[in-house]
Amino acid sequence: MRNTLRRPAPTAVVLWGSVLWAAFFPSGAASAASAPRESLERGKILYTERCVFCHGKDGRGWDMQSRIARPPVPVPDLTDSAFMRGFTEKELFRVIKEGGTREGKSRFMPPSGLWLSDEDIRDVIIYVRSLERRPAGGQDGR
């Protein structure tokens, strides 16, 4: 008996994936503001469990001048709007899932895809985007 199931055309898969990606990752901090509250809260819990050791409770990284224990490498300030604008949602997703070297970033950022699902990672991104500081006047050029 011949297999009659057809495989989807690669173009259709890419197109459908792009539609789903856009649905899950609207651009910038607006996605954090419009995200479901459950995703934001879940992202905060996951961030606290998995990210706070290096990135700090408030997302500012570690104060390299302080005398408290800290990682041996500088950790970026995730509240810095200018720094965070340098990352698309897709880049953040890959850095979290596959590690910093995936996007040509720090080799010290470990991959988290082994213990975080794709949904978990999206929730963490929503939470991290909510931490961004806005310049005076509330405008950040987005």
N, C-alpha and C. Protein backbone atom coordinates (compact mmCIF):
# COMPACT_ATOMS: atom_id res chain seq x y z
N MET A 1 0.85 -1.18 0.00
CA MET A 1 0.00 0.00 0.00
C MET A 1 0.89 1.24 0.00
N ARG A 2 0.59 2.14 -0.87
CA ARG A 2 1.39 3.35 -1.02
C ARG A 2 0.98 4.40 0.01
N ASN A 3 1.94 5.09 0.57
CA ASN A 3 1.66 6.14 1.54
C ASN A 3 1.10 7.35 0.80
N THR A 4 -0.13 7.73 1.14
CA THR A 4 -0.78 8.84 0.45
C THR A 4 -0.67 10.16 1.19
N LEU A 5 -0.02 10.17 2.33
CA LEU A 5 0.16 11.42 3.07
C LEU A 5 1.20 12.28 2.37
N ARG A 6 0.87 13.52 2.17
CA ARG A 6 1.79 14.45 1.52
C ARG A 6 2.53 15.27 2.55
N ARG A 7 3.77 15.51 2.28
CA ARG A 7 4.56 16.40 3.14
C ARG A 7 4.29 17.83 2.71
N PRO A 8 4.17 18.76 3.68
CA PRO A 8 3.93 20.15 3.30
C PRO A 8 5.13 20.73 2.55
N ALA A 9 4.85 21.58 1.62
CA ALA A 9 5.91 22.25 0.87
C ALA A 9 6.72 23.13 1.82
N PRO A 10 8.04 23.19 1.65
CA PRO A 10 8.87 24.02 2.54
C PRO A 10 8.41 25.48 2.60
N THR A 11 7.96 26.02 1.49
CA THR A 11 7.50 27.41 1.47
C THR A 11 6.30 27.59 2.38
N ALA A 12 5.38 26.63 2.35
CA ALA A 12 4.19 26.71 3.21
C ALA A 12 4.58 26.64 4.67
N VAL A 13 5.54 25.79 5.00
CA VAL A 13 5.99 25.66 6.38
C VAL A 13 6.62 26.96 6.86
N VAL A 14 7.47 27.55 6.05
CA VAL A 14 8.12 28.81 6.41
C VAL A 14 7.09 29.92 6.57
N LEU A 15 6.15 30.00 5.64
CA LEU A 15 5.12 31.04 5.70
C LEU A 15 4.27 30.88 6.95
N TRP A 16 3.81 29.69 7.22
CA TRP A 16 2.99 29.44 8.40
C TRP A 16 3.79 29.72 9.68
N GLY A 17 5.06 29.30 9.70
CA GLY A 17 5.91 29.58 10.85
C GLY A 17 6.07 31.07 11.09
N SER A 18 6.19 31.84 10.02
CA SER A 18 6.32 33.30 10.14
C SER A 18 5.07 33.92 10.73
N VAL A 19 3.92 33.42 10.31
CA VAL A 19 2.64 33.92 10.85
C VAL A 19 2.56 33.62 12.34
N LEU A 20 2.90 32.40 12.73
CA LEU A 20 2.87 32.04 14.15
C LEU A 20 3.88 32.86 14.94
N TRP A 21 5.08 33.05 14.37
CA TRP A 21 6.11 33.84 15.05
C TRP A 21 5.61 35.25 15.32
N ALA A 22 5.01 35.88 14.32
CA ALA A 22 4.49 37.25 14.48
C ALA A 22 3.40 37.30 15.54
N ALA A 23 2.60 36.25 15.63
CA ALA A 23 1.54 36.22 16.62
C ALA A 23 2.10 36.13 18.04
N PHE A 24 3.19 35.38 18.21
CA PHE A 24 3.77 35.21 19.54
C PHE A 24 4.75 36.30 19.91
N PHE A 25 5.35 36.97 18.92
CA PHE A 25 6.37 37.96 19.20
C PHE A 25 6.10 39.29 18.52
N PRO A 26 5.10 40.03 18.99
CA PRO A 26 4.97 41.39 18.48
C PRO A 26 6.22 42.16 18.87
N SER A 27 6.53 43.24 18.18
CA SER A 27 7.81 43.90 18.40
C SER A 27 7.87 44.66 19.71
N GLY A 28 9.06 44.65 20.29
CA GLY A 28 9.46 45.52 21.39
C GLY A 28 8.68 45.40 22.67
N ALA A 29 8.81 46.46 23.49
CA ALA A 29 8.20 46.48 24.81
C ALA A 29 6.70 46.52 24.73
N ALA A 30 6.15 46.90 23.61
CA ALA A 30 4.70 46.88 23.46
C ALA A 30 4.18 45.47 23.70
N SER A 31 4.98 44.46 23.35
CA SER A 31 4.55 43.09 23.58
C SER A 31 4.44 42.81 25.08
N ALA A 32 5.32 43.39 25.89
CA ALA A 32 5.24 43.20 27.33
C ALA A 32 3.99 43.89 27.88
N ALA A 33 3.69 45.07 27.37
CA ALA A 33 2.53 45.81 27.86
C ALA A 33 1.22 45.13 27.49
N SER A 34 1.17 44.48 26.33
CA SER A 34 -0.08 43.87 25.88
C SER A 34 -0.13 42.38 26.16
N ALA A 35 0.90 41.83 26.78
CA ALA A 35 0.94 40.40 27.06
C ALA A 35 -0.09 40.02 28.11
N PRO A 36 -0.60 38.81 28.02
CA PRO A 36 -1.51 38.35 29.07
C PRO A 36 -0.80 38.37 30.42
N ARG A 37 -1.53 38.78 31.43
CA ARG A 37 -0.95 38.89 32.77
C ARG A 37 -0.33 37.56 33.23
N GLU A 38 -0.96 36.45 32.85
CA GLU A 38 -0.43 35.14 33.27
C GLU A 38 0.97 34.92 32.70
N SER A 39 1.20 35.33 31.45
CA SER A 39 2.52 35.16 30.84
C SER A 39 3.56 36.02 31.56
N LEU A 40 3.18 37.23 31.90
CA LEU A 40 4.09 38.13 32.60
C LEU A 40 4.44 37.56 33.98
N GLU A 41 3.43 37.09 34.70
CA GLU A 41 3.68 36.52 36.04
C GLU A 41 4.50 35.24 35.96
N ARG A 42 4.18 34.40 35.00
CA ARG A 42 4.93 33.17 34.81
C ARG A 42 6.37 33.48 34.41
N GLY A 43 6.55 34.47 33.54
CA GLY A 43 7.90 34.88 33.15
C GLY A 43 8.71 35.36 34.34
N LYS A 44 8.06 36.08 35.25
CA LYS A 44 8.75 36.57 36.45
C LYS A 44 9.20 35.40 37.32
N ILE A 45 8.34 34.41 37.48
CA ILE A 45 8.69 33.24 38.29
C ILE A 45 9.87 32.50 37.66
N LEU A 46 9.80 32.27 36.36
CA LEU A 46 10.88 31.57 35.66
C LEU A 46 12.19 32.37 35.72
N TYR A 47 12.09 33.69 35.54
CA TYR A 47 13.27 34.55 35.62
C TYR A 47 13.90 34.42 37.01
N THR A 48 13.07 34.46 38.04
CA THR A 48 13.56 34.35 39.42
C THR A 48 14.25 33.01 39.65
N GLU A 49 13.68 31.95 39.09
CA GLU A 49 14.25 30.62 39.28
C GLU A 49 15.53 30.40 38.47
N ARG A 50 15.60 30.95 37.25
CA ARG A 50 16.67 30.58 36.33
C ARG A 50 17.66 31.69 35.97
N CYS A 51 17.27 32.94 36.12
CA CYS A 51 18.08 34.03 35.56
C CYS A 51 18.64 34.98 36.61
N VAL A 52 18.00 35.03 37.78
CA VAL A 52 18.32 36.06 38.76
C VAL A 52 19.76 35.95 39.29
N PHE A 53 20.32 34.75 39.31
CA PHE A 53 21.66 34.60 39.86
C PHE A 53 22.67 35.49 39.13
N CYS A 54 22.57 35.53 37.81
CA CYS A 54 23.51 36.36 37.04
C CYS A 54 22.96 37.74 36.72
N HIS A 55 21.68 37.80 36.35
CA HIS A 55 21.12 39.06 35.87
C HIS A 55 20.55 39.93 36.99
N GLY A 56 20.49 39.39 38.21
CA GLY A 56 20.01 40.17 39.35
C GLY A 56 18.49 40.23 39.42
N LYS A 57 17.99 40.47 40.61
CA LYS A 57 16.55 40.49 40.84
C LYS A 57 15.83 41.54 39.99
N ASP A 58 16.46 42.69 39.81
CA ASP A 58 15.81 43.77 39.06
C ASP A 58 16.25 43.83 37.60
N GLY A 59 17.10 42.88 37.16
CA GLY A 59 17.53 42.83 35.77
C GLY A 59 18.72 43.71 35.43
N ARG A 60 19.27 44.39 36.40
CA ARG A 60 20.37 45.32 36.14
C ARG A 60 21.73 44.64 36.07
N GLY A 61 21.75 43.34 36.22
CA GLY A 61 23.04 42.65 36.22
C GLY A 61 23.72 42.86 37.56
N TRP A 62 24.99 42.66 37.59
CA TRP A 62 25.73 42.82 38.84
C TRP A 62 26.50 44.12 38.81
N ASP A 63 26.51 44.79 39.94
CA ASP A 63 27.31 46.00 40.10
C ASP A 63 28.76 45.55 40.29
N MET A 64 29.56 45.74 39.27
CA MET A 64 30.93 45.23 39.32
C MET A 64 31.80 45.95 40.35
N GLN A 65 31.33 47.04 40.91
CA GLN A 65 32.08 47.76 41.93
C GLN A 65 31.73 47.27 43.33
N SER A 66 30.64 46.52 43.45
CA SER A 66 30.21 46.10 44.79
C SER A 66 31.11 44.98 45.31
N ARG A 67 30.98 44.74 46.58
CA ARG A 67 31.82 43.73 47.21
C ARG A 67 31.09 42.40 47.39
N ILE A 68 29.89 42.31 46.85
CA ILE A 68 29.14 41.06 47.00
C ILE A 68 29.61 40.05 45.96
N ALA A 69 29.32 38.79 46.22
CA ALA A 69 29.70 37.74 45.27
C ALA A 69 29.04 38.02 43.93
N ARG A 70 29.75 37.76 42.87
CA ARG A 70 29.22 38.03 41.53
C ARG A 70 29.90 37.11 40.52
N PRO A 71 29.31 36.98 39.36
CA PRO A 71 29.95 36.17 38.33
C PRO A 71 31.28 36.79 37.90
N PRO A 72 32.18 36.00 37.35
CA PRO A 72 33.49 36.52 36.94
C PRO A 72 33.46 37.31 35.63
N VAL A 73 32.29 37.49 35.05
CA VAL A 73 32.16 38.22 33.78
C VAL A 73 31.11 39.31 33.94
N PRO A 74 31.24 40.39 33.18
CA PRO A 74 30.20 41.42 33.22
C PRO A 74 28.87 40.86 32.70
N VAL A 75 27.80 41.24 33.34
CA VAL A 75 26.46 40.80 32.93
C VAL A 75 25.69 42.04 32.49
N PRO A 76 25.04 42.00 31.34
CA PRO A 76 24.37 43.20 30.83
C PRO A 76 23.19 43.64 31.68
N ASP A 77 22.92 44.92 31.62
CA ASP A 77 21.78 45.53 32.29
C ASP A 77 20.56 45.36 31.40
N LEU A 78 19.67 44.45 31.77
CA LEU A 78 18.48 44.17 30.97
C LEU A 78 17.43 45.27 31.07
N THR A 79 17.65 46.22 31.96
CA THR A 79 16.70 47.34 32.06
C THR A 79 17.10 48.50 31.15
N ASP A 80 18.27 48.39 30.53
CA ASP A 80 18.77 49.45 29.63
C ASP A 80 18.03 49.36 28.29
N SER A 81 17.13 50.29 28.08
CA SER A 81 16.29 50.28 26.88
C SER A 81 17.12 50.32 25.60
N ALA A 82 18.18 51.12 25.58
CA ALA A 82 19.02 51.22 24.38
C ALA A 82 19.69 49.87 24.09
N PHE A 83 20.17 49.20 25.12
CA PHE A 83 20.80 47.89 24.94
C PHE A 83 19.77 46.87 24.45
N MET A 84 18.61 46.84 25.07
CA MET A 84 17.60 45.84 24.73
C MET A 84 17.01 46.06 23.33
N ARG A 85 16.98 47.31 22.88
CA ARG A 85 16.50 47.58 21.51
C ARG A 85 17.39 46.93 20.47
N GLY A 86 18.61 46.58 20.86
CA GLY A 86 19.53 45.92 19.95
C GLY A 86 19.18 44.47 19.68
N PHE A 87 18.16 43.95 20.34
CA PHE A 87 17.76 42.56 20.18
C PHE A 87 16.34 42.48 19.65
N THR A 88 16.14 41.71 18.60
CA THR A 88 14.77 41.39 18.18
C THR A 88 14.26 40.29 19.11
N GLU A 89 12.97 40.06 19.07
CA GLU A 89 12.39 38.98 19.88
C GLU A 89 13.01 37.64 19.47
N LYS A 90 13.22 37.47 18.18
CA LYS A 90 13.79 36.23 17.66
C LYS A 90 15.21 36.02 18.20
N GLU A 91 16.00 37.09 18.24
CA GLU A 91 17.37 36.99 18.76
C GLU A 91 17.36 36.66 20.25
N LEU A 92 16.51 37.33 21.01
CA LEU A 92 16.40 37.03 22.44
C LEU A 92 16.02 35.57 22.65
N PHE A 93 15.06 35.11 21.88
CA PHE A 93 14.60 33.73 21.99
C PHE A 93 15.78 32.77 21.77
N ARG A 94 16.54 33.00 20.72
CA ARG A 94 17.67 32.10 20.41
C ARG A 94 18.77 32.20 21.45
N VAL A 95 19.05 33.40 21.94
CA VAL A 95 20.09 33.54 22.97
C VAL A 95 19.68 32.78 24.23
N ILE A 96 18.42 32.89 24.63
CA ILE A 96 17.97 32.19 25.83
C ILE A 96 17.95 30.68 25.58
N LYS A 97 17.41 30.27 24.46
CA LYS A 97 17.28 28.84 24.18
C LYS A 97 18.62 28.16 23.89
N GLU A 98 19.46 28.80 23.07
CA GLU A 98 20.66 28.13 22.58
C GLU A 98 21.97 28.70 23.12
N GLY A 99 21.88 29.76 23.91
CA GLY A 99 23.09 30.34 24.49
C GLY A 99 23.58 31.55 23.72
N GLY A 100 24.43 32.32 24.34
CA GLY A 100 24.91 33.57 23.76
C GLY A 100 25.66 33.42 22.47
N THR A 101 26.41 32.35 22.32
CA THR A 101 27.20 32.20 21.10
C THR A 101 26.32 32.01 19.87
N ARG A 102 25.07 31.63 20.04
CA ARG A 102 24.16 31.42 18.92
C ARG A 102 23.96 32.70 18.12
N GLU A 103 23.96 33.84 18.79
CA GLU A 103 23.77 35.14 18.14
C GLU A 103 25.07 35.95 18.15
N GLY A 104 26.18 35.28 18.37
CA GLY A 104 27.46 35.99 18.39
C GLY A 104 27.64 36.83 19.64
N LYS A 105 26.94 36.47 20.70
CA LYS A 105 27.04 37.20 21.97
C LYS A 105 27.92 36.42 22.94
N SER A 106 27.84 36.76 24.20
CA SER A 106 28.71 36.20 25.23
C SER A 106 28.64 34.67 25.30
N ARG A 107 29.81 34.07 25.37
CA ARG A 107 29.86 32.62 25.55
C ARG A 107 29.49 32.22 26.98
N PHE A 108 29.37 33.22 27.86
CA PHE A 108 29.03 32.94 29.24
C PHE A 108 27.52 32.82 29.46
N MET A 109 26.72 33.19 28.46
CA MET A 109 25.27 33.02 28.56
C MET A 109 24.96 31.58 28.17
N PRO A 110 24.55 30.76 29.16
CA PRO A 110 24.33 29.34 28.86
C PRO A 110 23.01 29.11 28.12
N PRO A 111 22.93 28.01 27.36
CA PRO A 111 21.65 27.68 26.72
C PRO A 111 20.66 27.20 27.78
N SER A 112 19.42 27.64 27.68
CA SER A 112 18.39 27.25 28.65
C SER A 112 17.32 26.37 28.04
N GLY A 113 17.47 26.03 26.77
CA GLY A 113 16.46 25.23 26.08
C GLY A 113 16.28 23.83 26.62
N LEU A 114 17.23 23.34 27.41
CA LEU A 114 17.09 22.00 27.97
C LEU A 114 16.08 21.96 29.11
N TRP A 115 15.93 23.07 29.82
CA TRP A 115 15.01 23.07 30.96
C TRP A 115 13.86 24.06 30.81
N LEU A 116 13.87 24.89 29.78
CA LEU A 116 12.75 25.80 29.53
C LEU A 116 12.10 25.45 28.20
N SER A 117 10.78 25.33 28.21
CA SER A 117 10.05 25.09 26.96
C SER A 117 10.03 26.38 26.14
N ASP A 118 9.61 26.27 24.88
CA ASP A 118 9.49 27.47 24.05
C ASP A 118 8.52 28.47 24.67
N GLU A 119 7.43 27.97 25.24
CA GLU A 119 6.46 28.85 25.90
C GLU A 119 7.10 29.52 27.12
N ASP A 120 7.87 28.77 27.89
CA ASP A 120 8.59 29.35 29.04
C ASP A 120 9.49 30.49 28.58
N ILE A 121 10.22 30.26 27.50
CA ILE A 121 11.15 31.27 26.99
C ILE A 121 10.40 32.51 26.56
N ARG A 122 9.26 32.33 25.88
CA ARG A 122 8.46 33.50 25.48
C ARG A 122 7.99 34.28 26.70
N ASP A 123 7.60 33.57 27.77
CA ASP A 123 7.16 34.24 28.99
C ASP A 123 8.31 35.00 29.65
N VAL A 124 9.51 34.42 29.65
CA VAL A 124 10.68 35.11 30.21
C VAL A 124 10.96 36.38 29.40
N ILE A 125 10.87 36.29 28.08
CA ILE A 125 11.10 37.47 27.24
C ILE A 125 10.09 38.57 27.55
N ILE A 126 8.83 38.19 27.72
CA ILE A 126 7.79 39.18 28.06
C ILE A 126 8.15 39.85 29.38
N TYR A 127 8.58 39.07 30.37
CA TYR A 127 8.95 39.65 31.66
C TYR A 127 10.18 40.55 31.54
N VAL A 128 11.21 40.08 30.84
CA VAL A 128 12.44 40.88 30.69
C VAL A 128 12.13 42.19 29.98
N ARG A 129 11.30 42.15 28.95
CA ARG A 129 10.91 43.39 28.25
C ARG A 129 10.18 44.34 29.19
N SER A 130 9.47 43.82 30.17
CA SER A 130 8.75 44.69 31.11
C SER A 130 9.69 45.42 32.06
N LEU A 131 10.92 44.96 32.17
CA LEU A 131 11.91 45.58 33.07
C LEU A 131 12.58 46.81 32.47
N GLU A 132 12.47 46.99 31.16
CA GLU A 132 13.18 48.08 30.49
C GLU A 132 12.78 49.44 31.05
N ARG A 133 13.81 50.25 31.34
CA ARG A 133 13.58 51.63 31.77
C ARG A 133 13.30 52.47 30.54
N ARG A 134 12.48 53.47 30.70
CA ARG A 134 12.21 54.42 29.61
C ARG A 134 12.95 55.72 29.90
N PRO A 135 13.50 56.35 28.88
CA PRO A 135 14.14 57.66 29.09
C PRO A 135 13.13 58.67 29.62
N ALA A 136 13.63 59.75 30.20
CA ALA A 136 12.76 60.82 30.72
C ALA A 136 11.77 61.23 29.65
N GLY A 137 10.55 61.48 30.05
CA GLY A 137 9.51 61.87 29.11
C GLY A 137 8.73 60.69 28.58
N GLY A 138 9.15 59.45 28.92
CA GLY A 138 8.41 58.26 28.54
C GLY A 138 8.59 57.82 27.11
N GLN A 139 9.43 58.49 26.33
CA GLN A 139 9.64 58.10 24.93
C GLN A 139 10.99 57.41 24.82
N ASP A 140 11.01 56.32 24.09
CA ASP A 140 12.28 55.64 23.90
C ASP A 140 12.60 55.42 22.43
N GLY A 141 11.89 56.09 21.56
CA GLY A 141 12.22 56.02 20.16
C GLY A 141 11.69 54.82 19.43
N ARG A 142 10.84 54.02 20.06
CA ARG A 142 10.29 52.85 19.38
C ARG A 142 9.21 53.23 18.45
